[in-house]
Every structure is written in structure tokens, then in C-alpha cells.
Amino acid sequence: MKKVALVTGAATGIGSEVARQLSEDWNLALHTRKNEQSLSKTAELCQTFGADTLLTYRDFSQLDQVDESCKKLIDEVVLKFDRIDALVINAGYAKIFDINSFCTQDLLTAYSTITGQFLALIKHAMPYLKKSRDARIIFVSSFTTKKANNQCGNFTLTAAAKSAAQSLISSLALEHIKNNITINAVLPGFIQKDEAAKSAMTHEQWAEIIEEIPAKRLGLPLDVARVVKFLIDEKSSYITGQLISVDGGISL
């Protein structure tokens, strides 16, 4: 029987490519907040490679509702597949921060969507992950947790929320390795967007950024998805609690 992975933020970009990379060997629960059309395209592609898919729609942006939203999402996956073997926690967003327009709600939304999702999904999936052999949890974070960038503006609030989740990885990894559950984070750099995807930056800003990247190119979703695929594989069972940069050297 195929293992089951839940991939949040799977409609476009990194999440969609992760789903594609896993689709030959895994069945997939694919999540988006509201991008139904793109999620359906991702699911159709995964099905051509043999994956059975579940499409789920949940909003993680409300701090007082994120725990219940994640519980319902996990319940949906278990109802469909009767198991969960891996979480790829990818759903999130990037927003340039300006202290002059800061409001508390921006902070709460960032922490709910990113940190709240991370903790609540792990909490509700853990009973099922413990039943799996070699379960995996992979958090897709960002290089902005390590380095600010004045050329494109600073993503301070979302970086802080991702940093909070990252800070939990070591303790969670230490706690759960005894159950053969590994927990790691992947930190992408600037990644090329799908044509239909929203970007927080202009074309001019992207051109400046490419000049700043030591590799002299934007990363591709595939660059990140290949690392996620390795970490989710049984062969990576001795790697846990790690923060792995996939950023063309920009964080150096």
C-alpha cells in the first residue's frame, strides 16, 4: 500500500512541484486556501503518474480558528486514506514589511498562517505519524529567516513567523526521533514564480535580485522539490533537526 503525504500550499510553485515529484510513489492530500483551479491541475498531473489524490481547502489565517482548521484537514485525510505518513508544510505567503503601516493584525495573521499551521498540523497528525514506519515532517521555510535584503524590501513579519517555527524543529526532532519520525526544514532562496502566481516584487526588483544571487539565477520549484523528495525518502532516516538552504548561495 502506498504511503500518504499531505502537502499544504500545493496549488502552485514549490508545493505543486513537490506533489509532482512524489506522485509516482505516494498518494497525496493536496491543500490550498482557495486556488481551486490550480490545485485541480496539480492533482490531474499527479494522477497521471499513479497517485490517488484528495483536494482540500482550508484557511489558516485566523489565529482563533487555525487549530480547528488543521484538525478538520487531518480528519479529511484520514477519512480518505486511513493513514498519514508525511507532512510537507508549505502553505504561506511573503509580504514586504513597512513599519509605518504596521498593525497588530498583520503580525497575528503571519503567525497564524505559518507558525500556527506548523504546530497544529503536527499536533493533530502525530497519532497517525507514530503508526507509520519512517514518518517525515518537512517545513518549507525561507532564506529570509537568515538574511534581510534591502533591495527588495524586508519580509520581516513572515520571516519572524517562519523563524518561530524553525526554532521548534530541533526540540521536536529530538522528541520524536525515537518514533522514527524525522523533522527538517528546507530554506528556499528566491524562487521563480508560476506565470499565474502573485509576486510581492516588480520585474525591476527581480532583475536586481538575480545580480545579487551568487548562482546568477532564480531558483526553480524543482530545485527545492528535489531536496524535499530526498528528505521524505526512507534513505534519509538519519537526517533530522536540520535547516537546509536551497538558495543559490544568497544566504552566505
C-alpha atoms as a PDB file:
ATOM      1  CA  MET A   1       0.000   0.000   0.000  1.00  0.00           C
ATOM      2  CA  LYS A   2       1.292   3.445  -0.921  1.00  0.00           C
ATOM      3  CA  LYS A   3       2.199   5.904   1.786  1.00  0.00           C
ATOM      4  CA  VAL A   4       0.269   9.162   2.097  1.00  0.00           C
ATOM      5  CA  ALA A   5       1.715  12.676   2.174  1.00  0.00           C
ATOM      6  CA  LEU A   6      -0.159  15.868   2.959  1.00  0.00           C
ATOM      7  CA  VAL A   7       1.245  18.850   1.042  1.00  0.00           C
ATOM      8  CA  THR A   8      -0.108  22.253   2.037  1.00  0.00           C
ATOM      9  CA  GLY A   9       0.072  25.137  -0.403  1.00  0.00           C
ATOM     10  CA  ALA A  10       0.101  22.652  -3.273  1.00  0.00           C
ATOM     11  CA  ALA A  11      -1.695  24.675  -5.951  1.00  0.00           C
ATOM     12  CA  THR A  12       1.359  26.390  -7.459  1.00  0.00           C
ATOM     13  CA  GLY A  13       5.116  26.783  -7.190  1.00  0.00           C
ATOM     14  CA  ILE A  14       7.102  24.698  -4.752  1.00  0.00           C
ATOM     15  CA  GLY A  15       4.098  22.866  -3.316  1.00  0.00           C
ATOM     16  CA  SER A  16       2.830  21.845  -6.740  1.00  0.00           C
ATOM     17  CA  GLU A  17       6.280  20.626  -7.813  1.00  0.00           C
ATOM     18  CA  VAL A  18       6.723  18.674  -4.558  1.00  0.00           C
ATOM     19  CA  ALA A  19       3.423  16.932  -5.264  1.00  0.00           C
ATOM     20  CA  ARG A  20       4.560  16.086  -8.781  1.00  0.00           C
ATOM     21  CA  GLN A  21       7.881  14.681  -7.544  1.00  0.00           C
ATOM     22  CA  LEU A  22       6.128  12.440  -5.009  1.00  0.00           C
ATOM     23  CA  SER A  23       3.279  11.321  -7.248  1.00  0.00           C
ATOM     24  CA  GLU A  24       4.885   8.155  -8.626  1.00  0.00           C
ATOM     25  CA  ASP A  25       5.403   6.611  -5.185  1.00  0.00           C
ATOM     26  CA  TRP A  26       2.928   8.332  -2.870  1.00  0.00           C
ATOM     27  CA  ASN A  27      -0.759   9.042  -2.573  1.00  0.00           C
ATOM     28  CA  LEU A  28      -1.346  12.718  -1.923  1.00  0.00           C
ATOM     29  CA  ALA A  29      -3.606  15.032   0.041  1.00  0.00           C
ATOM     30  CA  LEU A  30      -3.259  18.408  -1.667  1.00  0.00           C
ATOM     31  CA  HIS A  31      -4.225  21.636   0.079  1.00  0.00           C
ATOM     32  CA  THR A  32      -4.850  25.210  -0.941  1.00  0.00           C
ATOM     33  CA  ARG A  33      -6.709  28.064   0.680  1.00  0.00           C
ATOM     34  CA  LYS A  34      -8.834  28.977  -2.342  1.00  0.00           C
ATOM     35  CA  ASN A  35      -6.946  28.362  -5.617  1.00  0.00           C
ATOM     36  CA  GLU A  36      -9.221  25.555  -6.772  1.00  0.00           C
ATOM     37  CA  GLN A  37      -8.339  25.733 -10.468  1.00  0.00           C
ATOM     38  CA  SER A  38      -4.584  25.419  -9.996  1.00  0.00           C
ATOM     39  CA  LEU A  39      -4.964  22.715  -7.344  1.00  0.00           C
ATOM     40  CA  SER A  40      -7.118  20.685  -9.726  1.00  0.00           C
ATOM     41  CA  LYS A  41      -4.393  20.962 -12.374  1.00  0.00           C
ATOM     42  CA  THR A  42      -1.785  19.778  -9.886  1.00  0.00           C
ATOM     43  CA  ALA A  43      -3.995  16.832  -8.898  1.00  0.00           C
ATOM     44  CA  GLU A  44      -4.666  15.853 -12.515  1.00  0.00           C
ATOM     45  CA  LEU A  45      -0.938  15.814 -13.263  1.00  0.00           C
ATOM     46  CA  CYS A  46      -0.206  13.722 -10.161  1.00  0.00           C
ATOM     47  CA  GLN A  47      -2.924  11.257 -11.109  1.00  0.00           C
ATOM     48  CA  THR A  48      -1.253  10.655 -14.476  1.00  0.00           C
ATOM     49  CA  PHE A  49       1.773   9.384 -12.544  1.00  0.00           C
ATOM     50  CA  GLY A  50      -0.324   6.999 -10.464  1.00  0.00           C
ATOM     51  CA  ALA A  51      -1.194   8.972  -7.328  1.00  0.00           C
ATOM     52  CA  ASP A  52      -4.598   8.837  -5.697  1.00  0.00           C
ATOM     53  CA  THR A  53      -5.373  12.390  -4.616  1.00  0.00           C
ATOM     54  CA  LEU A  54      -7.537  14.286  -2.163  1.00  0.00           C
ATOM     55  CA  LEU A  55      -8.157  18.005  -2.675  1.00  0.00           C
ATOM     56  CA  THR A  56      -8.682  20.058   0.479  1.00  0.00           C
ATOM     57  CA  TYR A  57      -9.448  23.725   1.104  1.00  0.00           C
ATOM     58  CA  ARG A  58      -8.622  25.343   4.445  1.00  0.00           C
ATOM     59  CA  ASP A  59      -7.770  28.859   5.637  1.00  0.00           C
ATOM     60  CA  PHE A  60      -5.069  29.083   8.324  1.00  0.00           C
ATOM     61  CA  SER A  61      -5.045  32.880   8.696  1.00  0.00           C
ATOM     62  CA  GLN A  62      -7.310  33.220  11.758  1.00  0.00           C
ATOM     63  CA  LEU A  63      -5.426  32.612  14.995  1.00  0.00           C
ATOM     64  CA  ASP A  64      -8.538  31.567  16.920  1.00  0.00           C
ATOM     65  CA  GLN A  65      -9.503  29.070  14.194  1.00  0.00           C
ATOM     66  CA  VAL A  66      -6.233  27.612  12.923  1.00  0.00           C
ATOM     67  CA  ASP A  67      -6.204  24.680  15.358  1.00  0.00           C
ATOM     68  CA  GLU A  68      -9.706  23.594  14.349  1.00  0.00           C
ATOM     69  CA  SER A  69      -8.950  24.128  10.653  1.00  0.00           C
ATOM     70  CA  CYS A  70      -5.893  21.885  10.895  1.00  0.00           C
ATOM     71  CA  LYS A  71      -7.809  19.235  12.843  1.00  0.00           C
ATOM     72  CA  LYS A  72     -10.502  19.138  10.163  1.00  0.00           C
ATOM     73  CA  LEU A  73      -7.850  18.892   7.468  1.00  0.00           C
ATOM     74  CA  ILE A  74      -6.158  15.935   9.140  1.00  0.00           C
ATOM     75  CA  ASP A  75      -9.562  14.299   9.686  1.00  0.00           C
ATOM     76  CA  GLU A  76     -10.279  14.652   5.949  1.00  0.00           C
ATOM     77  CA  VAL A  77      -7.013  12.959   5.044  1.00  0.00           C
ATOM     78  CA  VAL A  78      -7.545  10.073   7.460  1.00  0.00           C
ATOM     79  CA  LEU A  79     -11.134   9.590   6.301  1.00  0.00           C
ATOM     80  CA  LYS A  80      -9.927   9.248   2.710  1.00  0.00           C
ATOM     81  CA  PHE A  81      -6.709   7.254   3.187  1.00  0.00           C
ATOM     82  CA  ASP A  82      -6.843   5.874   6.753  1.00  0.00           C
ATOM     83  CA  ARG A  83      -3.230   6.953   7.287  1.00  0.00           C
ATOM     84  CA  ILE A  84      -0.737   9.827   7.136  1.00  0.00           C
ATOM     85  CA  ASP A  85       2.959   9.159   6.652  1.00  0.00           C
ATOM     86  CA  ALA A  86       4.372  12.595   5.861  1.00  0.00           C
ATOM     87  CA  LEU A  87       3.623  16.292   6.206  1.00  0.00           C
ATOM     88  CA  VAL A  88       5.072  18.850   3.809  1.00  0.00           C
ATOM     89  CA  ILE A  89       4.118  22.131   5.480  1.00  0.00           C
ATOM     90  CA  ASN A  90       4.483  24.614   2.668  1.00  0.00           C
ATOM     91  CA  ALA A  91       1.454  26.936   2.771  1.00  0.00           C
ATOM     92  CA  GLY A  92       2.392  30.519   3.494  1.00  0.00           C
ATOM     93  CA  TYR A  93       2.981  33.872   1.867  1.00  0.00           C
ATOM     94  CA  ALA A  94       5.532  36.644   1.508  1.00  0.00           C
ATOM     95  CA  LYS A  95       4.676  40.226   2.423  1.00  0.00           C
ATOM     96  CA  ILE A  96       7.073  43.172   2.411  1.00  0.00           C
ATOM     97  CA  PHE A  97       7.097  44.853   5.809  1.00  0.00           C
ATOM     98  CA  ASP A  98       6.844  48.596   6.372  1.00  0.00           C
ATOM     99  CA  ILE A  99       6.962  49.752   9.981  1.00  0.00           C
ATOM    100  CA  ASN A 100       4.935  52.845   9.067  1.00  0.00           C
ATOM    101  CA  SER A 101       1.937  50.758   8.047  1.00  0.00           C
ATOM    102  CA  PHE A 102       2.367  48.013  10.658  1.00  0.00           C
ATOM    103  CA  CYS A 103      -0.683  46.833  12.573  1.00  0.00           C
ATOM    104  CA  THR A 104      -1.056  44.031  15.124  1.00  0.00           C
ATOM    105  CA  GLN A 105      -3.382  42.094  12.849  1.00  0.00           C
ATOM    106  CA  ASP A 106      -0.559  41.687  10.293  1.00  0.00           C
ATOM    107  CA  LEU A 107       1.541  40.021  12.969  1.00  0.00           C
ATOM    108  CA  LEU A 108      -1.271  37.732  14.108  1.00  0.00           C
ATOM    109  CA  THR A 109      -2.071  36.715  10.533  1.00  0.00           C
ATOM    110  CA  ALA A 110       1.563  35.823   9.818  1.00  0.00           C
ATOM    111  CA  TYR A 111       1.939  33.760  12.980  1.00  0.00           C
ATOM    112  CA  SER A 112      -1.398  32.008  12.496  1.00  0.00           C
ATOM    113  CA  THR A 113      -0.816  31.152   8.831  1.00  0.00           C
ATOM    114  CA  ILE A 114       2.757  29.960   9.278  1.00  0.00           C
ATOM    115  CA  THR A 115       3.620  29.071  12.890  1.00  0.00           C
ATOM    116  CA  GLY A 116       0.072  28.127  13.888  1.00  0.00           C
ATOM    117  CA  GLN A 117      -0.303  25.873  10.855  1.00  0.00           C
ATOM    118  CA  PHE A 118       3.052  24.215  11.588  1.00  0.00           C
ATOM    119  CA  LEU A 119       2.210  23.378  15.196  1.00  0.00           C
ATOM    120  CA  ALA A 120      -1.440  22.455  14.714  1.00  0.00           C
ATOM    121  CA  LEU A 121      -0.823  20.114  11.784  1.00  0.00           C
ATOM    122  CA  ILE A 122       1.926  18.303  13.671  1.00  0.00           C
ATOM    123  CA  LYS A 123      -0.253  18.087  16.788  1.00  0.00           C
ATOM    124  CA  HIS A 124      -3.227  16.546  15.003  1.00  0.00           C
ATOM    125  CA  ALA A 125      -1.235  14.338  12.632  1.00  0.00           C
ATOM    126  CA  MET A 126       1.125  12.948  15.280  1.00  0.00           C
ATOM    127  CA  PRO A 127      -1.061   9.963  16.361  1.00  0.00           C
ATOM    128  CA  TYR A 128      -1.085   8.770  12.746  1.00  0.00           C
ATOM    129  CA  LEU A 129       2.577   9.574  12.071  1.00  0.00           C
ATOM    130  CA  LYS A 130       3.537   7.442  15.063  1.00  0.00           C
ATOM    131  CA  LYS A 131       1.791   4.469  13.442  1.00  0.00           C
ATOM    132  CA  SER A 132       3.777   4.917  10.243  1.00  0.00           C
ATOM    133  CA  ARG A 133       7.170   3.431   9.502  1.00  0.00           C
ATOM    134  CA  ASP A 134       9.730   6.203   8.961  1.00  0.00           C
ATOM    135  CA  ALA A 135       7.323   9.141   9.032  1.00  0.00           C
ATOM    136  CA  ARG A 136       8.511  12.537   7.837  1.00  0.00           C
ATOM    137  CA  ILE A 137       7.758  16.188   8.596  1.00  0.00           C
ATOM    138  CA  ILE A 138       9.253  18.829   6.310  1.00  0.00           C
ATOM    139  CA  PHE A 139       8.733  22.547   6.822  1.00  0.00           C
ATOM    140  CA  VAL A 140       9.287  24.788   3.812  1.00  0.00           C
ATOM    141  CA  SER A 141      10.669  27.997   5.275  1.00  0.00           C
ATOM    142  CA  SER A 142      12.745  30.769   3.653  1.00  0.00           C
ATOM    143  CA  PHE A 143      16.264  32.190   3.487  1.00  0.00           C
ATOM    144  CA  THR A 144      14.750  35.438   4.842  1.00  0.00           C
ATOM    145  CA  THR A 145      14.947  33.888   8.311  1.00  0.00           C
ATOM    146  CA  LYS A 146      18.741  34.181   7.964  1.00  0.00           C
ATOM    147  CA  LYS A 147      19.274  37.294   5.863  1.00  0.00           C
ATOM    148  CA  ALA A 148      17.465  40.584   5.229  1.00  0.00           C
ATOM    149  CA  ASN A 149      17.504  42.114   1.756  1.00  0.00           C
ATOM    150  CA  ASN A 150      17.127  45.863   1.364  1.00  0.00           C
ATOM    151  CA  GLN A 151      16.955  45.777  -2.423  1.00  0.00           C
ATOM    152  CA  CYS A 152      13.556  44.125  -2.455  1.00  0.00           C
ATOM    153  CA  GLY A 153      12.304  45.185   0.947  1.00  0.00           C
ATOM    154  CA  ASN A 154      12.266  43.120   4.114  1.00  0.00           C
ATOM    155  CA  PHE A 155       9.778  40.329   4.753  1.00  0.00           C
ATOM    156  CA  THR A 156      10.069  40.902   8.484  1.00  0.00           C
ATOM    157  CA  LEU A 157       6.738  39.562   9.744  1.00  0.00           C
ATOM    158  CA  THR A 158       6.607  36.402   7.646  1.00  0.00           C
ATOM    159  CA  ALA A 159      10.310  35.793   8.289  1.00  0.00           C
ATOM    160  CA  ALA A 160       9.687  36.102  12.020  1.00  0.00           C
ATOM    161  CA  ALA A 161       6.804  33.631  11.843  1.00  0.00           C
ATOM    162  CA  LYS A 162       8.936  31.159   9.900  1.00  0.00           C
ATOM    163  CA  SER A 163      11.812  31.652  12.331  1.00  0.00           C
ATOM    164  CA  ALA A 164       9.472  30.788  15.187  1.00  0.00           C
ATOM    165  CA  ALA A 165       8.552  27.513  13.502  1.00  0.00           C
ATOM    166  CA  GLN A 166      12.213  26.789  12.735  1.00  0.00           C
ATOM    167  CA  SER A 167      13.136  27.313  16.383  1.00  0.00           C
ATOM    168  CA  LEU A 168      10.848  24.419  17.313  1.00  0.00           C
ATOM    169  CA  ILE A 169      12.371  21.942  14.884  1.00  0.00           C
ATOM    170  CA  SER A 170      15.346  20.870  16.997  1.00  0.00           C
ATOM    171  CA  SER A 171      13.281  20.088  20.088  1.00  0.00           C
ATOM    172  CA  LEU A 172      10.528  18.375  18.096  1.00  0.00           C
ATOM    173  CA  ALA A 173      13.093  16.343  16.142  1.00  0.00           C
ATOM    174  CA  LEU A 174      14.803  15.257  19.353  1.00  0.00           C
ATOM    175  CA  GLU A 175      11.494  14.300  20.929  1.00  0.00           C
ATOM    176  CA  HIS A 176      10.175  12.239  18.026  1.00  0.00           C
ATOM    177  CA  ILE A 177      13.220  10.515  16.500  1.00  0.00           C
ATOM    178  CA  LYS A 178      12.544   7.664  18.938  1.00  0.00           C
ATOM    179  CA  ASN A 179       9.344   7.096  16.954  1.00  0.00           C
ATOM    180  CA  ASN A 180      11.314   7.040  13.664  1.00  0.00           C
ATOM    181  CA  ILE A 181       9.844  10.447  12.757  1.00  0.00           C
ATOM    182  CA  THR A 182      12.293  12.917  11.257  1.00  0.00           C
ATOM    183  CA  ILE A 183      11.627  16.660  11.192  1.00  0.00           C
ATOM    184  CA  ASN A 184      13.588  19.016   8.955  1.00  0.00           C
ATOM    185  CA  ALA A 185      13.240  22.402   7.276  1.00  0.00           C
ATOM    186  CA  VAL A 186      14.138  23.493   3.763  1.00  0.00           C
ATOM    187  CA  LEU A 187      15.008  27.176   3.290  1.00  0.00           C
ATOM    188  CA  PRO A 188      14.480  28.254  -0.335  1.00  0.00           C
ATOM    189  CA  GLY A 189      16.014  31.390  -1.768  1.00  0.00           C
ATOM    190  CA  PHE A 190      14.363  33.489  -4.453  1.00  0.00           C
ATOM    191  CA  ILE A 191      12.290  31.042  -6.494  1.00  0.00           C
ATOM    192  CA  GLN A 192      10.846  31.633  -9.942  1.00  0.00           C
ATOM    193  CA  LYS A 193       7.081  32.106  -9.782  1.00  0.00           C
ATOM    194  CA  ASP A 194       4.468  30.412 -11.907  1.00  0.00           C
ATOM    195  CA  GLU A 195       3.142  32.794 -14.552  1.00  0.00           C
ATOM    196  CA  ALA A 196      -0.244  32.963 -12.845  1.00  0.00           C
ATOM    197  CA  ALA A 197       1.149  33.367  -9.328  1.00  0.00           C
ATOM    198  CA  LYS A 198       1.204  36.676  -7.459  1.00  0.00           C
ATOM    199  CA  SER A 199       4.593  38.230  -6.706  1.00  0.00           C
ATOM    200  CA  ALA A 200       5.470  40.684  -3.964  1.00  0.00           C
ATOM    201  CA  MET A 201       8.097  42.314  -6.228  1.00  0.00           C
ATOM    202  CA  THR A 202       8.320  44.102  -9.569  1.00  0.00           C
ATOM    203  CA  HIS A 203      10.209  42.888 -12.674  1.00  0.00           C
ATOM    204  CA  GLU A 204      12.874  45.512 -11.967  1.00  0.00           C
ATOM    205  CA  GLN A 205      13.367  44.203  -8.431  1.00  0.00           C
ATOM    206  CA  TRP A 206      13.673  40.645  -9.721  1.00  0.00           C
ATOM    207  CA  ALA A 207      16.416  41.732 -12.167  1.00  0.00           C
ATOM    208  CA  GLU A 208      18.370  43.383  -9.322  1.00  0.00           C
ATOM    209  CA  ILE A 209      17.984  40.305  -7.161  1.00  0.00           C
ATOM    210  CA  ILE A 210      19.354  37.949  -9.830  1.00  0.00           C
ATOM    211  CA  GLU A 211      22.527  40.052  -9.926  1.00  0.00           C
ATOM    212  CA  GLU A 212      22.867  39.632  -6.164  1.00  0.00           C
ATOM    213  CA  ILE A 213      22.486  35.821  -6.170  1.00  0.00           C
ATOM    214  CA  PRO A 214      25.912  34.105  -6.391  1.00  0.00           C
ATOM    215  CA  ALA A 215      24.432  31.458  -8.715  1.00  0.00           C
ATOM    216  CA  LYS A 216      23.205  34.291 -11.006  1.00  0.00           C
ATOM    217  CA  ARG A 217      19.767  32.810 -11.481  1.00  0.00           C
ATOM    218  CA  LEU A 218      16.490  32.380  -9.688  1.00  0.00           C
ATOM    219  CA  GLY A 219      15.853  29.001  -8.161  1.00  0.00           C
ATOM    220  CA  LEU A 220      13.257  26.715  -9.673  1.00  0.00           C
ATOM    221  CA  PRO A 221      10.499  24.978  -7.718  1.00  0.00           C
ATOM    222  CA  LEU A 222      12.158  21.755  -8.880  1.00  0.00           C
ATOM    223  CA  ASP A 223      15.401  22.703  -7.070  1.00  0.00           C
ATOM    224  CA  VAL A 224      13.509  22.766  -3.785  1.00  0.00           C
ATOM    225  CA  ALA A 225      11.229  19.828  -4.552  1.00  0.00           C
ATOM    226  CA  ARG A 226      14.200  17.534  -5.178  1.00  0.00           C
ATOM    227  CA  VAL A 227      15.525  18.240  -1.676  1.00  0.00           C
ATOM    228  CA  VAL A 228      12.090  17.650  -0.162  1.00  0.00           C
ATOM    229  CA  LYS A 229      11.829  14.378  -2.086  1.00  0.00           C
ATOM    230  CA  PHE A 230      15.188  13.265  -0.678  1.00  0.00           C
ATOM    231  CA  LEU A 231      14.221  14.168   2.886  1.00  0.00           C
ATOM    232  CA  ILE A 232      10.916  12.324   2.599  1.00  0.00           C
ATOM    233  CA  ASP A 233      12.618   9.164   1.355  1.00  0.00           C
ATOM    234  CA  GLU A 234      13.444   6.264   3.701  1.00  0.00           C
ATOM    235  CA  LYS A 235      17.115   6.692   2.762  1.00  0.00           C
ATOM    236  CA  SER A 236      17.211   9.984   4.708  1.00  0.00           C
ATOM    237  CA  SER A 237      16.268   8.368   8.029  1.00  0.00           C
ATOM    238  CA  TYR A 238      19.475   9.535   9.774  1.00  0.00           C
ATOM    239  CA  ILE A 239      18.858  13.225   8.998  1.00  0.00           C
ATOM    240  CA  THR A 240      16.712  15.137  11.479  1.00  0.00           C
ATOM    241  CA  GLY A 241      16.517  18.563  13.094  1.00  0.00           C
ATOM    242  CA  GLN A 242      18.269  20.218  10.151  1.00  0.00           C
ATOM    243  CA  LEU A 243      17.751  23.532   8.328  1.00  0.00           C
ATOM    244  CA  ILE A 244      18.826  23.016   4.725  1.00  0.00           C
ATOM    245  CA  SER A 245      19.334  26.052   2.476  1.00  0.00           C
ATOM    246  CA  VAL A 246      18.428  25.814  -1.212  1.00  0.00           C
ATOM    247  CA  ASP A 247      19.190  29.374  -2.254  1.00  0.00           C
ATOM    248  CA  GLY A 248      21.982  29.633  -4.833  1.00  0.00           C
ATOM    249  CA  GLY A 249      24.314  30.962  -2.143  1.00  0.00           C
ATOM    250  CA  ILE A 250      22.410  34.163  -1.326  1.00  0.00           C
ATOM    251  CA  SER A 251      22.398  33.452   2.410  1.00  0.00           C
ATOM    252  CA  LEU A 252      26.197  33.079   2.569  1.00  0.00           C
END
